[in-house]
PDB file of all heavy atoms in Angstrom:
ATOM      1  N   ALA A   1       0.872  -1.168  -0.012  1.00  0.00           N
ATOM      2  CA  ALA A   1       0.002   0.014   0.001  1.00  0.00           C
ATOM      3  C   ALA A   1       0.898   1.201   0.001  1.00  0.00           C
ATOM      4  O   ALA A   1       1.885   1.263   0.774  1.00  0.00           O
ATOM      5  CB  ALA A   1      -0.896   0.019   1.218  1.00  0.00           C
ATOM      6  N   VAL A   2       0.591   2.156  -0.881  1.00  0.00           N
ATOM      7  CA  VAL A   2       1.324   3.439  -0.957  1.00  0.00           C
ATOM      8  C   VAL A   2       0.319   4.574  -0.768  1.00  0.00           C
ATOM      9  O   VAL A   2      -0.758   4.527  -1.392  1.00  0.00           O
ATOM     10  CB  VAL A   2       2.077   3.509  -2.255  1.00  0.00           C
ATOM     11  CG1 VAL A   2       2.673   4.938  -2.430  1.00  0.00           C
ATOM     12  CG2 VAL A   2       3.165   2.515  -2.377  1.00  0.00           C
ATOM     13  N   ILE A   3       0.637   5.541   0.063  1.00  0.00           N
ATOM     14  CA  ILE A   3      -0.316   6.579   0.399  1.00  0.00           C
ATOM     15  C   ILE A   3       0.318   7.978   0.094  1.00  0.00           C
ATOM     16  O   ILE A   3       1.129   8.438   0.859  1.00  0.00           O
ATOM     17  CB  ILE A   3      -0.702   6.500   1.907  1.00  0.00           C
ATOM     18  CG1 ILE A   3      -1.107   5.062   2.292  1.00  0.00           C
ATOM     19  CG2 ILE A   3      -1.860   7.509   2.184  1.00  0.00           C
ATOM     20  CD1 ILE A   3      -0.022   4.272   2.904  1.00  0.00           C
ATOM     21  N   VAL A   4      -0.087   8.540  -0.999  1.00  0.00           N
ATOM     22  CA  VAL A   4       0.324   9.918  -1.313  1.00  0.00           C
ATOM     23  C   VAL A   4      -0.428  10.784  -0.323  1.00  0.00           C
ATOM     24  O   VAL A   4      -1.651  10.678  -0.127  1.00  0.00           O
ATOM     25  CB  VAL A   4      -0.025  10.302  -2.772  1.00  0.00           C
ATOM     26  CG1 VAL A   4       0.242  11.764  -3.020  1.00  0.00           C
ATOM     27  CG2 VAL A   4       0.756   9.420  -3.726  1.00  0.00           C
ATOM     28  N   THR A   5       0.336  11.660   0.371  1.00  0.00           N
ATOM     29  CA  THR A   5      -0.238  12.339   1.548  1.00  0.00           C
ATOM     30  C   THR A   5       0.061  13.830   1.513  1.00  0.00           C
ATOM     31  O   THR A   5       1.109  14.296   1.148  1.00  0.00           O
ATOM     32  CB  THR A   5       0.434  11.761   2.821  1.00  0.00           C
ATOM     33  OG1 THR A   5       0.299  10.304   2.783  1.00  0.00           O
ATOM     34  CG2 THR A   5      -0.182  12.268   4.072  1.00  0.00           C
ATOM     35  N   LYS A   6      -0.954  14.565   2.012  1.00  0.00           N
ATOM     36  CA  LYS A   6      -0.847  15.987   2.202  1.00  0.00           C
ATOM     37  C   LYS A   6      -1.336  16.391   3.588  1.00  0.00           C
ATOM     38  O   LYS A   6      -2.124  15.657   4.223  1.00  0.00           O
ATOM     39  CB  LYS A   6      -1.606  16.783   1.189  1.00  0.00           C
ATOM     40  CG  LYS A   6      -0.947  16.811  -0.191  1.00  0.00           C
ATOM     41  CD  LYS A   6      -1.649  17.803  -1.118  1.00  0.00           C
ATOM     42  CE  LYS A   6      -0.814  18.012  -2.374  1.00  0.00           C
ATOM     43  NZ  LYS A   6      -1.476  19.062  -3.245  1.00  0.00           N
ATOM     44  N   THR A   7      -0.883  17.521   4.061  1.00  0.00           N
ATOM     45  CA  THR A   7      -1.442  18.162   5.289  1.00  0.00           C
ATOM     46  C   THR A   7      -1.482  19.642   5.030  1.00  0.00           C
ATOM     47  O   THR A   7      -0.521  20.257   4.561  1.00  0.00           O
ATOM     48  CB  THR A   7      -0.540  17.810   6.515  1.00  0.00           C
ATOM     49  OG1 THR A   7      -1.205  18.341   7.678  1.00  0.00           O
ATOM     50  CG2 THR A   7       0.831  18.367   6.457  1.00  0.00           C
ATOM     51  N   ASN A   8      -2.599  20.247   5.317  1.00  0.00           N
ATOM     52  CA  ASN A   8      -2.774  21.666   5.023  1.00  0.00           C
ATOM     53  C   ASN A   8      -2.317  22.112   3.654  1.00  0.00           C
ATOM     54  O   ASN A   8      -1.703  23.150   3.475  1.00  0.00           O
ATOM     55  CB  ASN A   8      -2.066  22.529   6.101  1.00  0.00           C
ATOM     56  CG  ASN A   8      -2.669  22.346   7.475  1.00  0.00           C
ATOM     57  OD1 ASN A   8      -3.899  22.256   7.638  1.00  0.00           O
ATOM     58  ND2 ASN A   8      -1.825  22.156   8.470  1.00  0.00           N
ATOM     59  N   GLY A   9      -2.576  21.237   2.674  1.00  0.00           N
ATOM     60  CA  GLY A   9      -2.223  21.556   1.293  1.00  0.00           C
ATOM     61  C   GLY A   9      -0.818  21.340   0.905  1.00  0.00           C
ATOM     62  O   GLY A   9      -0.364  21.634  -0.212  1.00  0.00           O
ATOM     63  N   LYS A  10       0.029  20.851   1.856  1.00  0.00           N
ATOM     64  CA  LYS A  10       1.462  20.627   1.605  1.00  0.00           C
ATOM     65  C   LYS A  10       1.693  19.117   1.559  1.00  0.00           C
ATOM     66  O   LYS A  10       1.041  18.308   2.227  1.00  0.00           O
ATOM     67  CB  LYS A  10       2.298  21.251   2.656  1.00  0.00           C
ATOM     68  CG  LYS A  10       2.212  22.782   2.679  1.00  0.00           C
ATOM     69  CD  LYS A  10       3.048  23.346   3.817  1.00  0.00           C
ATOM     70  CE  LYS A  10       2.877  24.820   3.927  1.00  0.00           C
ATOM     71  NZ  LYS A  10       3.884  25.563   3.190  1.00  0.00           N
ATOM     72  N   TRP A  11       2.705  18.707   0.755  1.00  0.00           N
ATOM     73  CA  TRP A  11       3.095  17.322   0.668  1.00  0.00           C
ATOM     74  C   TRP A  11       3.711  16.793   1.971  1.00  0.00           C
ATOM     75  O   TRP A  11       4.404  17.544   2.660  1.00  0.00           O
ATOM     76  CB  TRP A  11       4.123  17.119  -0.425  1.00  0.00           C
ATOM     77  CG  TRP A  11       3.689  17.554  -1.784  1.00  0.00           C
ATOM     78  CD1 TRP A  11       4.065  18.669  -2.433  1.00  0.00           C
ATOM     79  CD2 TRP A  11       2.754  16.873  -2.610  1.00  0.00           C
ATOM     80  NE1 TRP A  11       3.440  18.690  -3.677  1.00  0.00           N
ATOM     81  CE2 TRP A  11       2.609  17.625  -3.805  1.00  0.00           C
ATOM     82  CE3 TRP A  11       2.027  15.694  -2.492  1.00  0.00           C
ATOM     83  CZ2 TRP A  11       1.780  17.244  -4.848  1.00  0.00           C
ATOM     84  CZ3 TRP A  11       1.174  15.309  -3.505  1.00  0.00           C
ATOM     85  CH2 TRP A  11       1.073  16.055  -4.658  1.00  0.00           C
ATOM     86  N   VAL A  12       3.499  15.536   2.222  1.00  0.00           N
ATOM     87  CA  VAL A  12       4.144  14.867   3.432  1.00  0.00           C
ATOM     88  C   VAL A  12       5.021  13.751   2.864  1.00  0.00           C
ATOM     89  O   VAL A  12       4.513  12.848   2.161  1.00  0.00           O
ATOM     90  CB  VAL A  12       3.100  14.296   4.386  1.00  0.00           C
ATOM     91  CG1 VAL A  12       3.832  13.548   5.548  1.00  0.00           C
ATOM     92  CG2 VAL A  12       2.133  15.407   4.890  1.00  0.00           C
ATOM     93  N   PHE A  13       6.319  13.797   3.080  1.00  0.00           N
ATOM     94  CA  PHE A  13       7.245  12.802   2.667  1.00  0.00           C
ATOM     95  C   PHE A  13       8.002  12.202   3.859  1.00  0.00           C
ATOM     96  O   PHE A  13       8.117  12.887   4.870  1.00  0.00           O
ATOM     97  CB  PHE A  13       8.276  13.331   1.637  1.00  0.00           C
ATOM     98  CG  PHE A  13       7.622  13.833   0.397  1.00  0.00           C
ATOM     99  CD1 PHE A  13       7.427  15.217   0.185  1.00  0.00           C
ATOM    100  CD2 PHE A  13       7.146  12.930  -0.526  1.00  0.00           C
ATOM    101  CE1 PHE A  13       6.830  15.650  -0.974  1.00  0.00           C
ATOM    102  CE2 PHE A  13       6.516  13.374  -1.686  1.00  0.00           C
ATOM    103  CZ  PHE A  13       6.358  14.717  -1.895  1.00  0.00           C
ATOM    104  N   CYS A  14       8.466  10.983   3.711  1.00  0.00           N
ATOM    105  CA  CYS A  14       9.211  10.341   4.783  1.00  0.00           C
ATOM    106  C   CYS A  14      10.687  10.219   4.462  1.00  0.00           C
ATOM    107  O   CYS A  14      11.044   9.965   3.314  1.00  0.00           O
ATOM    108  CB  CYS A  14       8.644   8.913   4.954  1.00  0.00           C
ATOM    109  SG  CYS A  14       6.908   8.853   5.339  1.00  0.00           S
ATOM    110  N   LYS A  15      11.526  10.395   5.481  1.00  0.00           N
ATOM    111  CA  LYS A  15      12.934  10.159   5.390  1.00  0.00           C
ATOM    112  C   LYS A  15      13.296   8.988   6.213  1.00  0.00           C
ATOM    113  O   LYS A  15      13.168   9.040   7.444  1.00  0.00           O
ATOM    114  CB  LYS A  15      13.766  11.346   5.787  1.00  0.00           C
ATOM    115  CG  LYS A  15      15.264  11.187   5.452  1.00  0.00           C
ATOM    116  CD  LYS A  15      16.127  11.892   6.435  1.00  0.00           C
ATOM    117  CE  LYS A  15      17.578  11.457   6.300  1.00  0.00           C
ATOM    118  NZ  LYS A  15      17.854  10.112   6.879  1.00  0.00           N
ATOM    119  N   HIS A  16      13.709   7.878   5.591  1.00  0.00           N
ATOM    120  CA  HIS A  16      14.084   6.644   6.298  1.00  0.00           C
ATOM    121  C   HIS A  16      15.402   6.897   7.058  1.00  0.00           C
ATOM    122  O   HIS A  16      16.228   7.607   6.614  1.00  0.00           O
ATOM    123  CB  HIS A  16      14.288   5.515   5.200  1.00  0.00           C
ATOM    124  CG  HIS A  16      14.440   4.178   5.821  1.00  0.00           C
ATOM    125  ND1 HIS A  16      15.586   3.758   6.347  1.00  0.00           N
ATOM    126  CD2 HIS A  16      13.580   3.157   5.840  1.00  0.00           C
ATOM    127  CE1 HIS A  16      15.449   2.484   6.779  1.00  0.00           C
ATOM    128  NE2 HIS A  16      14.232   2.079   6.473  1.00  0.00           N
ATOM    129  N   LYS A  17      15.538   6.214   8.176  1.00  0.00           N
ATOM    130  CA  LYS A  17      16.710   6.374   9.053  1.00  0.00           C
ATOM    131  C   LYS A  17      18.031   6.052   8.306  1.00  0.00           C
ATOM    132  O   LYS A  17      19.084   6.583   8.598  1.00  0.00           O
ATOM    133  CB  LYS A  17      16.583   5.511  10.280  1.00  0.00           C
ATOM    134  CG  LYS A  17      15.530   6.006  11.261  1.00  0.00           C
ATOM    135  CD  LYS A  17      15.365   5.026  12.392  1.00  0.00           C
ATOM    136  CE  LYS A  17      14.213   5.495  13.300  1.00  0.00           C
ATOM    137  NZ  LYS A  17      13.908   4.512  14.382  1.00  0.00           N
ATOM    138  N   ASP A  18      17.974   5.076   7.369  1.00  0.00           N
ATOM    139  CA  ASP A  18      19.181   4.603   6.683  1.00  0.00           C
ATOM    140  C   ASP A  18      19.410   5.198   5.308  1.00  0.00           C
ATOM    141  O   ASP A  18      20.289   4.758   4.610  1.00  0.00           O
ATOM    142  CB  ASP A  18      19.107   3.041   6.559  1.00  0.00           C
ATOM    143  CG  ASP A  18      19.029   2.315   7.881  1.00  0.00           C
ATOM    144  OD1 ASP A  18      19.588   2.905   8.862  1.00  0.00           O
ATOM    145  OD2 ASP A  18      18.484   1.257   7.935  1.00  0.00           O
ATOM    146  N   ARG A  19      18.566   6.193   4.944  1.00  0.00           N
ATOM    147  CA  ARG A  19      18.700   6.773   3.605  1.00  0.00           C
ATOM    148  C   ARG A  19      18.718   8.249   3.663  1.00  0.00           C
ATOM    149  O   ARG A  19      18.240   8.856   4.592  1.00  0.00           O
ATOM    150  CB  ARG A  19      17.557   6.274   2.693  1.00  0.00           C
ATOM    151  CG  ARG A  19      17.537   4.786   2.494  1.00  0.00           C
ATOM    152  CD  ARG A  19      16.601   4.349   1.415  1.00  0.00           C
ATOM    153  NE  ARG A  19      15.233   4.095   1.837  1.00  0.00           N
ATOM    154  CZ  ARG A  19      14.769   2.902   2.205  1.00  0.00           C
ATOM    155  NH1 ARG A  19      15.562   1.885   2.279  1.00  0.00           N
ATOM    156  NH2 ARG A  19      13.522   2.764   2.573  1.00  0.00           N
ATOM    157  N   ASP A  20      19.210   8.903   2.586  1.00  0.00           N
ATOM    158  CA  ASP A  20      19.188  10.365   2.459  1.00  0.00           C
ATOM    159  C   ASP A  20      18.188  10.826   1.476  1.00  0.00           C
ATOM    160  O   ASP A  20      18.240  11.969   0.972  1.00  0.00           O
ATOM    161  CB  ASP A  20      20.582  10.879   2.087  1.00  0.00           C
ATOM    162  CG  ASP A  20      21.595  10.617   3.136  1.00  0.00           C
ATOM    163  OD1 ASP A  20      21.255  10.748   4.383  1.00  0.00           O
ATOM    164  OD2 ASP A  20      22.771  10.315   2.825  1.00  0.00           O
ATOM    165  N   THR A  21      17.260   9.947   1.097  1.00  0.00           N
ATOM    166  CA  THR A  21      16.236  10.245   0.124  1.00  0.00           C
ATOM    167  C   THR A  21      14.833  10.331   0.730  1.00  0.00           C
ATOM    168  O   THR A  21      14.680  10.015   1.926  1.00  0.00           O
ATOM    169  CB  THR A  21      16.250   9.169  -0.944  1.00  0.00           C
ATOM    170  OG1 THR A  21      16.100   7.868  -0.273  1.00  0.00           O
ATOM    171  CG2 THR A  21      17.543   9.154  -1.734  1.00  0.00           C
ATOM    172  N   LEU A  22      13.859  10.733  -0.049  1.00  0.00           N
ATOM    173  CA  LEU A  22      12.498  10.913   0.453  1.00  0.00           C
ATOM    174  C   LEU A  22      11.569   9.979  -0.309  1.00  0.00           C
ATOM    175  O   LEU A  22      11.792   9.647  -1.465  1.00  0.00           O
ATOM    176  CB  LEU A  22      12.012  12.359   0.308  1.00  0.00           C
ATOM    177  CG  LEU A  22      12.832  13.398   1.062  1.00  0.00           C
ATOM    178  CD1 LEU A  22      12.318  14.797   0.810  1.00  0.00           C
ATOM    179  CD2 LEU A  22      12.826  13.121   2.547  1.00  0.00           C
ATOM    180  N   GLU A  23      10.465   9.606   0.351  1.00  0.00           N
ATOM    181  CA  GLU A  23       9.492   8.724  -0.228  1.00  0.00           C
ATOM    182  C   GLU A  23       8.095   9.025   0.333  1.00  0.00           C
ATOM    183  O   GLU A  23       8.027   9.681   1.388  1.00  0.00           O
ATOM    184  CB  GLU A  23       9.822   7.280   0.079  1.00  0.00           C
ATOM    185  CG  GLU A  23      10.006   6.947   1.523  1.00  0.00           C
ATOM    186  CD  GLU A  23      10.870   5.738   1.782  1.00  0.00           C
ATOM    187  OE1 GLU A  23      12.109   5.768   1.570  1.00  0.00           O
ATOM    188  OE2 GLU A  23      10.278   4.728   2.280  1.00  0.00           O
ATOM    189  N   VAL A  24       7.085   8.534  -0.318  1.00  0.00           N
ATOM    190  CA  VAL A  24       5.740   8.679   0.225  1.00  0.00           C
ATOM    191  C   VAL A  24       5.499   7.495   1.204  1.00  0.00           C
ATOM    192  O   VAL A  24       6.189   6.446   1.086  1.00  0.00           O
ATOM    193  CB  VAL A  24       4.665   8.697  -0.888  1.00  0.00           C
ATOM    194  CG1 VAL A  24       4.812   9.914  -1.767  1.00  0.00           C
ATOM    195  CG2 VAL A  24       4.594   7.434  -1.651  1.00  0.00           C
TER     196      VAL A  24
END
């Protein structure tokens, strides 16, 4: 399951502890 997410009209992305990249 992948969840494209917003809050107050802004994107919400996750930063994994072991990576320097972002994901939904």
